[in-house]
Amino acid sequence: MEIGAHIIVKGLVQGVGFRYFVYRKATALGLRGVVRNLINGDVEVEVEGERSPIEELIKDLKIGPRAAIVNDLRIEWRNSSGTLNGFTIE
């Protein structure tokens, strides 16, 4: 069963390749969604797919790419909207 998650990543996550890191991990896991920088310095991830691959992505997000420092993740589980196609970077 498909599910969705809205994730806010806090810390040193902009200017370190974080969005491209998320894109590579999410597409490798077969997930759909979007990743974007927020004006306050956080990174926002909206993702849909099977729960197990999303949980695997969340484990990766807690670490991030080499130059990132992840301080916190805020995760809100949602029903899958079915409107996301592929995975994009904004």
PDB file of N, CA and C in Angstrom:
ATOM      1  N   MET A   1       0.840  -1.190   0.000  1.00  0.00           N
ATOM      2  CA  MET A   1       0.000   0.000   0.000  1.00  0.00           C
ATOM      3  C   MET A   1       0.877   1.243   0.000  1.00  0.00           C
ATOM      4  N   GLU A   2       0.527   2.168  -0.850  1.00  0.00           N
ATOM      5  CA  GLU A   2       1.316   3.394  -0.956  1.00  0.00           C
ATOM      6  C   GLU A   2       0.927   4.381   0.123  1.00  0.00           C
ATOM      7  N   ILE A   3       1.932   5.164   0.507  1.00  0.00           N
ATOM      8  CA  ILE A   3       1.781   6.167   1.554  1.00  0.00           C
ATOM      9  C   ILE A   3       2.612   7.376   1.142  1.00  0.00           C
ATOM     10  N   GLY A   4       2.428   8.477   1.830  1.00  0.00           N
ATOM     11  CA  GLY A   4       3.210   9.672   1.571  1.00  0.00           C
ATOM     12  C   GLY A   4       3.825  10.192   2.849  1.00  0.00           C
ATOM     13  N   ALA A   5       4.847  11.024   2.684  1.00  0.00           N
ATOM     14  CA  ALA A   5       5.474  11.666   3.835  1.00  0.00           C
ATOM     15  C   ALA A   5       5.909  13.069   3.450  1.00  0.00           C
ATOM     16  N   HIS A   6       5.716  13.989   4.371  1.00  0.00           N
ATOM     17  CA  HIS A   6       6.209  15.357   4.238  1.00  0.00           C
ATOM     18  C   HIS A   6       7.320  15.486   5.275  1.00  0.00           C
ATOM     19  N   ILE A   7       8.540  15.799   4.804  1.00  0.00           N
ATOM     20  CA  ILE A   7       9.713  15.787   5.681  1.00  0.00           C
ATOM     21  C   ILE A   7      10.409  17.137   5.610  1.00  0.00           C
ATOM     22  N   ILE A   8      10.718  17.701   6.764  1.00  0.00           N
ATOM     23  CA  ILE A   8      11.529  18.915   6.864  1.00  0.00           C
ATOM     24  C   ILE A   8      12.862  18.509   7.485  1.00  0.00           C
ATOM     25  N   VAL A   9      13.939  18.839   6.787  1.00  0.00           N
ATOM     26  CA  VAL A   9      15.287  18.519   7.260  1.00  0.00           C
ATOM     27  C   VAL A   9      15.926  19.814   7.735  1.00  0.00           C
ATOM     28  N   LYS A  10      16.382  19.822   8.997  1.00  0.00           N
ATOM     29  CA  LYS A  10      16.971  21.012   9.609  1.00  0.00           C
ATOM     30  C   LYS A  10      18.461  20.799   9.846  1.00  0.00           C
ATOM     31  N   GLY A  11      19.218  21.865   9.733  1.00  0.00           N
ATOM     32  CA  GLY A  11      20.658  21.819   9.968  1.00  0.00           C
ATOM     33  C   GLY A  11      21.389  22.535   8.851  1.00  0.00           C
ATOM     34  N   LEU A  12      22.646  22.159   8.635  1.00  0.00           N
ATOM     35  CA  LEU A  12      23.432  22.696   7.521  1.00  0.00           C
ATOM     36  C   LEU A  12      23.125  21.811   6.318  1.00  0.00           C
ATOM     37  N   VAL A  13      22.040  22.155   5.606  1.00  0.00           N
ATOM     38  CA  VAL A  13      21.542  21.290   4.539  1.00  0.00           C
ATOM     39  C   VAL A  13      21.372  22.019   3.210  1.00  0.00           C
ATOM     40  N   GLN A  14      21.777  23.275   3.148  1.00  0.00           N
ATOM     41  CA  GLN A  14      21.759  23.997   1.880  1.00  0.00           C
ATOM     42  C   GLN A  14      23.186  24.333   1.493  1.00  0.00           C
ATOM     43  N   GLY A  15      23.466  24.272   0.196  1.00  0.00           N
ATOM     44  CA  GLY A  15      24.810  24.566  -0.296  1.00  0.00           C
ATOM     45  C   GLY A  15      25.779  23.405  -0.129  1.00  0.00           C
ATOM     46  N   VAL A  16      25.253  22.210   0.157  1.00  0.00           N
ATOM     47  CA  VAL A  16      26.108  21.031   0.377  1.00  0.00           C
ATOM     48  C   VAL A  16      25.698  19.853  -0.510  1.00  0.00           C
ATOM     49  N   GLY A  17      24.857  20.106  -1.512  1.00  0.00           N
ATOM     50  CA  GLY A  17      24.410  19.046  -2.416  1.00  0.00           C
ATOM     51  C   GLY A  17      23.303  18.172  -1.852  1.00  0.00           C
ATOM     52  N   PHE A  18      22.584  18.677  -0.856  1.00  0.00           N
ATOM     53  CA  PHE A  18      21.567  17.862  -0.184  1.00  0.00           C
ATOM     54  C   PHE A  18      20.428  17.479  -1.121  1.00  0.00           C
ATOM     55  N   ARG A  19      19.951  18.426  -1.925  1.00  0.00           N
ATOM     56  CA  ARG A  19      18.818  18.106  -2.813  1.00  0.00           C
ATOM     57  C   ARG A  19      19.201  17.025  -3.820  1.00  0.00           C
ATOM     58  N   TYR A  20      20.407  17.096  -4.347  1.00  0.00           N
ATOM     59  CA  TYR A  20      20.857  16.085  -5.318  1.00  0.00           C
ATOM     60  C   TYR A  20      21.048  14.729  -4.636  1.00  0.00           C
ATOM     61  N   PHE A  21      21.497  14.760  -3.389  1.00  0.00           N
ATOM     62  CA  PHE A  21      21.618  13.547  -2.578  1.00  0.00           C
ATOM     63  C   PHE A  21      20.237  12.895  -2.422  1.00  0.00           C
ATOM     64  N   VAL A  22      19.232  13.687  -2.066  1.00  0.00           N
ATOM     65  CA  VAL A  22      17.864  13.181  -1.898  1.00  0.00           C
ATOM     66  C   VAL A  22      17.346  12.629  -3.219  1.00  0.00           C
ATOM     67  N   TYR A  23      17.568  13.353  -4.294  1.00  0.00           N
ATOM     68  CA  TYR A  23      17.120  12.920  -5.616  1.00  0.00           C
ATOM     69  C   TYR A  23      17.704  11.550  -5.974  1.00  0.00           C
ATOM     70  N   ARG A  24      19.010  11.391  -5.803  1.00  0.00           N
ATOM     71  CA  ARG A  24      19.663  10.120  -6.145  1.00  0.00           C
ATOM     72  C   ARG A  24      19.123   8.971  -5.296  1.00  0.00           C
ATOM     73  N   LYS A  25      18.995   9.183  -3.988  1.00  0.00           N
ATOM     74  CA  LYS A  25      18.508   8.137  -3.090  1.00  0.00           C
ATOM     75  C   LYS A  25      17.053   7.773  -3.399  1.00  0.00           C
ATOM     76  N   ALA A  26      16.202   8.790  -3.569  1.00  0.00           N
ATOM     77  CA  ALA A  26      14.775   8.555  -3.793  1.00  0.00           C
ATOM     78  C   ALA A  26      14.531   7.841  -5.122  1.00  0.00           C
ATOM     79  N   THR A  27      15.221   8.260  -6.183  1.00  0.00           N
ATOM     80  CA  THR A  27      15.009   7.601  -7.473  1.00  0.00           C
ATOM     81  C   THR A  27      15.538   6.172  -7.449  1.00  0.00           C
ATOM     82  N   ALA A  28      16.644   5.929  -6.742  1.00  0.00           N
ATOM     83  CA  ALA A  28      17.172   4.570  -6.623  1.00  0.00           C
ATOM     84  C   ALA A  28      16.182   3.661  -5.887  1.00  0.00           C
ATOM     85  N   LEU A  29      15.394   4.232  -4.982  1.00  0.00           N
ATOM     86  CA  LEU A  29      14.413   3.474  -4.214  1.00  0.00           C
ATOM     87  C   LEU A  29      13.054   3.391  -4.919  1.00  0.00           C
ATOM     88  N   GLY A  30      12.940   4.025  -6.078  1.00  0.00           N
ATOM     89  CA  GLY A  30      11.691   3.985  -6.839  1.00  0.00           C
ATOM     90  C   GLY A  30      10.594   4.860  -6.275  1.00  0.00           C
ATOM     91  N   LEU A  31      10.974   5.918  -5.559  1.00  0.00           N
ATOM     92  CA  LEU A  31       9.994   6.800  -4.938  1.00  0.00           C
ATOM     93  C   LEU A  31       9.655   7.971  -5.855  1.00  0.00           C
ATOM     94  N   ARG A  32       8.496   8.562  -5.630  1.00  0.00           N
ATOM     95  CA  ARG A  32       8.059   9.754  -6.351  1.00  0.00           C
ATOM     96  C   ARG A  32       8.027  10.923  -5.391  1.00  0.00           C
ATOM     97  N   GLY A  33       8.283  12.130  -5.929  1.00  0.00           N
ATOM     98  CA  GLY A  33       8.179  13.282  -5.059  1.00  0.00           C
ATOM     99  C   GLY A  33       8.953  14.481  -5.545  1.00  0.00           C
ATOM    100  N   VAL A  34       9.249  15.352  -4.592  1.00  0.00           N
ATOM    101  CA  VAL A  34       9.940  16.597  -4.885  1.00  0.00           C
ATOM    102  C   VAL A  34      10.774  16.993  -3.670  1.00  0.00           C
ATOM    103  N   VAL A  35      11.917  17.632  -3.934  1.00  0.00           N
ATOM    104  CA  VAL A  35      12.757  18.168  -2.866  1.00  0.00           C
ATOM    105  C   VAL A  35      13.048  19.621  -3.208  1.00  0.00           C
ATOM    106  N   ARG A  36      13.003  20.490  -2.181  1.00  0.00           N
ATOM    107  CA  ARG A  36      13.234  21.918  -2.427  1.00  0.00           C
ATOM    108  C   ARG A  36      13.876  22.567  -1.212  1.00  0.00           C
ATOM    109  N   ASN A  37      14.640  23.631  -1.458  1.00  0.00           N
ATOM    110  CA  ASN A  37      15.174  24.454  -0.383  1.00  0.00           C
ATOM    111  C   ASN A  37      14.079  25.390   0.102  1.00  0.00           C
ATOM    112  N   LEU A  38      14.053  25.632   1.397  1.00  0.00           N
ATOM    113  CA  LEU A  38      13.137  26.607   1.976  1.00  0.00           C
ATOM    114  C   LEU A  38      13.919  27.869   2.324  1.00  0.00           C
ATOM    115  N   ILE A  39      13.229  28.970   2.383  1.00  0.00           N
ATOM    116  CA  ILE A  39      13.862  30.262   2.613  1.00  0.00           C
ATOM    117  C   ILE A  39      14.563  30.342   3.978  1.00  0.00           C
ATOM    118  N   ASN A  40      14.119  29.538   4.942  1.00  0.00           N
ATOM    119  CA  ASN A  40      14.704  29.577   6.292  1.00  0.00           C
ATOM    120  C   ASN A  40      15.952  28.703   6.430  1.00  0.00           C
ATOM    121  N   GLY A  41      16.402  28.071   5.330  1.00  0.00           N
ATOM    122  CA  GLY A  41      17.607  27.237   5.374  1.00  0.00           C
ATOM    123  C   GLY A  41      17.338  25.747   5.499  1.00  0.00           C
ATOM    124  N   ASP A  42      16.086  25.373   5.684  1.00  0.00           N
ATOM    125  CA  ASP A  42      15.727  23.957   5.761  1.00  0.00           C
ATOM    126  C   ASP A  42      15.551  23.387   4.352  1.00  0.00           C
ATOM    127  N   VAL A  43      15.444  22.061   4.268  1.00  0.00           N
ATOM    128  CA  VAL A  43      15.108  21.385   3.018  1.00  0.00           C
ATOM    129  C   VAL A  43      13.802  20.639   3.244  1.00  0.00           C
ATOM    130  N   GLU A  44      12.894  20.755   2.272  1.00  0.00           N
ATOM    131  CA  GLU A  44      11.588  20.108   2.337  1.00  0.00           C
ATOM    132  C   GLU A  44      11.551  18.962   1.338  1.00  0.00           C
ATOM    133  N   VAL A  45      11.051  17.812   1.781  1.00  0.00           N
ATOM    134  CA  VAL A  45      10.912  16.642   0.915  1.00  0.00           C
ATOM    135  C   VAL A  45       9.464  16.171   0.990  1.00  0.00           C
ATOM    136  N   GLU A  46       8.838  16.054  -0.172  1.00  0.00           N
ATOM    137  CA  GLU A  46       7.528  15.422  -0.265  1.00  0.00           C
ATOM    138  C   GLU A  46       7.748  14.147  -1.054  1.00  0.00           C
ATOM    139  N   VAL A  47       7.352  13.016  -0.478  1.00  0.00           N
ATOM    140  CA  VAL A  47       7.659  11.730  -1.103  1.00  0.00           C
ATOM    141  C   VAL A  47       6.464  10.794  -0.997  1.00  0.00           C
ATOM    142  N   GLU A  48       6.301   9.961  -2.032  1.00  0.00           N
ATOM    143  CA  GLU A  48       5.242   8.949  -2.040  1.00  0.00           C
ATOM    144  C   GLU A  48       5.801   7.631  -2.550  1.00  0.00           C
ATOM    145  N   GLY A  49       5.235   6.557  -2.045  1.00  0.00           N
ATOM    146  CA  GLY A  49       5.628   5.226  -2.462  1.00  0.00           C
ATOM    147  C   GLY A  49       5.307   4.232  -1.361  1.00  0.00           C
ATOM    148  N   GLU A  50       5.945   3.082  -1.412  1.00  0.00           N
ATOM    149  CA  GLU A  50       5.773   2.079  -0.367  1.00  0.00           C
ATOM    150  C   GLU A  50       6.462   2.542   0.916  1.00  0.00           C
ATOM    151  N   ARG A  51       5.923   2.152   2.054  1.00  0.00           N
ATOM    152  CA  ARG A  51       6.440   2.630   3.331  1.00  0.00           C
ATOM    153  C   ARG A  51       7.897   2.221   3.582  1.00  0.00           C
ATOM    154  N   SER A  52       8.255   0.991   3.263  1.00  0.00           N
ATOM    155  CA  SER A  52       9.608   0.503   3.537  1.00  0.00           C
ATOM    156  C   SER A  52      10.686   1.329   2.829  1.00  0.00           C
ATOM    157  N   PRO A  53      10.558   1.617   1.517  1.00  0.00           N
ATOM    158  CA  PRO A  53      11.557   2.461   0.871  1.00  0.00           C
ATOM    159  C   PRO A  53      11.578   3.894   1.417  1.00  0.00           C
ATOM    160  N   ILE A  54      10.412   4.413   1.811  1.00  0.00           N
ATOM    161  CA  ILE A  54      10.392   5.754   2.403  1.00  0.00           C
ATOM    162  C   ILE A  54      11.155   5.744   3.722  1.00  0.00           C
ATOM    163  N   GLU A  55      10.975   4.703   4.534  1.00  0.00           N
ATOM    164  CA  GLU A  55      11.719   4.600   5.797  1.00  0.00           C
ATOM    165  C   GLU A  55      13.224   4.485   5.542  1.00  0.00           C
ATOM    166  N   GLU A  56      13.601   3.793   4.461  1.00  0.00           N
ATOM    167  CA  GLU A  56      15.010   3.702   4.096  1.00  0.00           C
ATOM    168  C   GLU A  56      15.550   5.075   3.696  1.00  0.00           C
ATOM    169  N   LEU A  57      14.754   5.839   2.945  1.00  0.00           N
ATOM    170  CA  LEU A  57      15.148   7.205   2.582  1.00  0.00           C
ATOM    171  C   LEU A  57      15.327   8.060   3.825  1.00  0.00           C
ATOM    172  N   ILE A  58      14.417   7.927   4.781  1.00  0.00           N
ATOM    173  CA  ILE A  58      14.502   8.714   6.012  1.00  0.00           C
ATOM    174  C   ILE A  58      15.804   8.419   6.749  1.00  0.00           C
ATOM    175  N   LYS A  59      16.233   7.159   6.781  1.00  0.00           N
ATOM    176  CA  LYS A  59      17.519   6.817   7.407  1.00  0.00           C
ATOM    177  C   LYS A  59      18.658   7.554   6.726  1.00  0.00           C
ATOM    178  N   ASP A  60      18.622   7.622   5.388  1.00  0.00           N
ATOM    179  CA  ASP A  60      19.649   8.346   4.641  1.00  0.00           C
ATOM    180  C   ASP A  60      19.586   9.844   4.907  1.00  0.00           C
ATOM    181  N   LEU A  61      18.371  10.391   5.029  1.00  0.00           N
ATOM    182  CA  LEU A  61      18.213  11.819   5.279  1.00  0.00           C
ATOM    183  C   LEU A  61      18.794  12.226   6.625  1.00  0.00           C
ATOM    184  N   LYS A  62      18.765  11.330   7.600  1.00  0.00           N
ATOM    185  CA  LYS A  62      19.319  11.634   8.921  1.00  0.00           C
ATOM    186  C   LYS A  62      20.827  11.850   8.862  1.00  0.00           C
ATOM    187  N   ILE A  63      21.471  11.294   7.832  1.00  0.00           N
ATOM    188  CA  ILE A  63      22.913  11.426   7.667  1.00  0.00           C
ATOM    189  C   ILE A  63      23.248  12.498   6.639  1.00  0.00           C
ATOM    190  N   GLY A  64      22.610  12.423   5.473  1.00  0.00           N
ATOM    191  CA  GLY A  64      22.845  13.387   4.409  1.00  0.00           C
ATOM    192  C   GLY A  64      24.166  13.164   3.711  1.00  0.00           C
ATOM    193  N   PRO A  65      24.502  14.045   2.755  1.00  0.00           N
ATOM    194  CA  PRO A  65      25.787  13.947   2.080  1.00  0.00           C
ATOM    195  C   PRO A  65      26.921  14.343   3.027  1.00  0.00           C
ATOM    196  N   ARG A  66      28.127  14.075   2.611  1.00  0.00           N
ATOM    197  CA  ARG A  66      29.311  14.254   3.457  1.00  0.00           C
ATOM    198  C   ARG A  66      29.417  15.629   4.126  1.00  0.00           C
ATOM    199  N   ALA A  67      29.121  16.701   3.395  1.00  0.00           N
ATOM    200  CA  ALA A  67      29.313  18.058   3.929  1.00  0.00           C
ATOM    201  C   ALA A  67      28.138  18.552   4.778  1.00  0.00           C
ATOM    202  N   ALA A  68      27.059  17.811   4.810  1.00  0.00           N
ATOM    203  CA  ALA A  68      25.861  18.246   5.551  1.00  0.00           C
ATOM    204  C   ALA A  68      25.967  17.927   7.034  1.00  0.00           C
ATOM    205  N   ILE A  69      25.257  18.732   7.810  1.00  0.00           N
ATOM    206  CA  ILE A  69      25.080  18.464   9.241  1.00  0.00           C
ATOM    207  C   ILE A  69      23.576  18.494   9.503  1.00  0.00           C
ATOM    208  N   VAL A  70      22.991  17.318   9.702  1.00  0.00           N
ATOM    209  CA  VAL A  70      21.549  17.215   9.932  1.00  0.00           C
ATOM    210  C   VAL A  70      21.296  17.261  11.431  1.00  0.00           C
ATOM    211  N   ASN A  71      20.528  18.264  11.859  1.00  0.00           N
ATOM    212  CA  ASN A  71      20.206  18.422  13.278  1.00  0.00           C
ATOM    213  C   ASN A  71      18.870  17.798  13.659  1.00  0.00           C
ATOM    214  N   ASP A  72      17.920  17.776  12.721  1.00  0.00           N
ATOM    215  CA  ASP A  72      16.585  17.296  13.060  1.00  0.00           C
ATOM    216  C   ASP A  72      15.810  16.980  11.785  1.00  0.00           C
ATOM    217  N   LEU A  73      14.916  16.011  11.886  1.00  0.00           N
ATOM    218  CA  LEU A  73      13.951  15.703  10.828  1.00  0.00           C
ATOM    219  C   LEU A  73      12.564  15.812  11.428  1.00  0.00           C
ATOM    220  N   ARG A  74      11.671  16.460  10.711  1.00  0.00           N
ATOM    221  CA  ARG A  74      10.266  16.491  11.114  1.00  0.00           C
ATOM    222  C   ARG A  74       9.493  15.751  10.046  1.00  0.00           C
ATOM    223  N   ILE A  75       8.836  14.680  10.445  1.00  0.00           N
ATOM    224  CA  ILE A  75       8.165  13.796   9.494  1.00  0.00           C
ATOM    225  C   ILE A  75       6.669  13.776   9.776  1.00  0.00           C
ATOM    226  N   GLU A  76       5.886  14.010   8.744  1.00  0.00           N
ATOM    227  CA  GLU A  76       4.429  13.917   8.834  1.00  0.00           C
ATOM    228  C   GLU A  76       3.977  12.889   7.797  1.00  0.00           C
ATOM    229  N   TRP A  77       3.461  11.770   8.273  1.00  0.00           N
ATOM    230  CA  TRP A  77       2.961  10.724   7.377  1.00  0.00           C
ATOM    231  C   TRP A  77       1.602  11.141   6.848  1.00  0.00           C
ATOM    232  N   ARG A  78       1.367  10.843   5.568  1.00  0.00           N
ATOM    233  CA  ARG A  78       0.115  11.223   4.916  1.00  0.00           C
ATOM    234  C   ARG A  78      -0.367  10.086   4.026  1.00  0.00           C
ATOM    235  N   ASN A  79      -1.587  10.193   3.561  1.00  0.00           N
ATOM    236  CA  ASN A  79      -2.071   9.299   2.514  1.00  0.00           C
ATOM    237  C   ASN A  79      -1.419   9.714   1.204  1.00  0.00           C
ATOM    238  N   SER A  80      -1.192   8.768   0.342  1.00  0.00           N
ATOM    239  CA  SER A  80      -0.632   9.065  -0.975  1.00  0.00           C
ATOM    240  C   SER A  80      -1.651   9.842  -1.788  1.00  0.00           C
ATOM    241  N   SER A  81      -1.219  10.956  -2.388  1.00  0.00           N
ATOM    242  CA  SER A  81      -2.126  11.761  -3.211  1.00  0.00           C
ATOM    243  C   SER A  81      -2.265  11.178  -4.604  1.00  0.00           C
ATOM    244  N   GLY A  82      -1.239  10.432  -5.037  1.00  0.00           N
ATOM    245  CA  GLY A  82      -1.251   9.860  -6.372  1.00  0.00           C
ATOM    246  C   GLY A  82      -1.001  10.879  -7.468  1.00  0.00           C
ATOM    247  N   THR A  83      -0.652  12.105  -7.093  1.00  0.00           N
ATOM    248  CA  THR A  83      -0.439  13.166  -8.087  1.00  0.00           C
ATOM    249  C   THR A  83       1.028  13.390  -8.430  1.00  0.00           C
ATOM    250  N   LEU A  84       1.946  12.794  -7.674  1.00  0.00           N
ATOM    251  CA  LEU A  84       3.376  12.997  -7.927  1.00  0.00           C
ATOM    252  C   LEU A  84       3.864  11.996  -8.973  1.00  0.00           C
ATOM    253  N   ASN A  85       4.592  12.507  -9.970  1.00  0.00           N
ATOM    254  CA  ASN A  85       5.164  11.659 -11.016  1.00  0.00           C
ATOM    255  C   ASN A  85       6.673  11.834 -11.004  1.00  0.00           C
ATOM    256  N   GLY A  86       7.405  10.735 -10.907  1.00  0.00           N
ATOM    257  CA  GLY A  86       8.867  10.826 -10.879  1.00  0.00           C
ATOM    258  C   GLY A  86       9.349  11.531  -9.635  1.00  0.00           C
ATOM    259  N   PHE A  87      10.589  11.976  -9.654  1.00  0.00           N
ATOM    260  CA  PHE A  87      11.130  12.738  -8.528  1.00  0.00           C
ATOM    261  C   PHE A  87      11.831  13.962  -9.097  1.00  0.00           C
ATOM    262  N   THR A  88      11.528  15.130  -8.561  1.00  0.00           N
ATOM    263  CA  THR A  88      12.079  16.367  -9.100  1.00  0.00           C
ATOM    264  C   THR A  88      12.792  17.179  -8.012  1.00  0.00           C
ATOM    265  N   ILE A  89      13.673  18.043  -8.487  1.00  0.00           N
ATOM    266  CA  ILE A  89      14.372  19.005  -7.632  1.00  0.00           C
ATOM    267  C   ILE A  89      13.858  20.386  -8.003  1.00  0.00           C
ATOM    268  N   GLU A  90      13.467  21.136  -7.003  1.00  0.00           N
ATOM    269  CA  GLU A  90      13.029  22.541  -7.256  1.00  0.00           C
ATOM    270  C   GLU A  90      14.034  23.484  -6.648  1.00  0.00           C
TER     271      GLU A  90
END
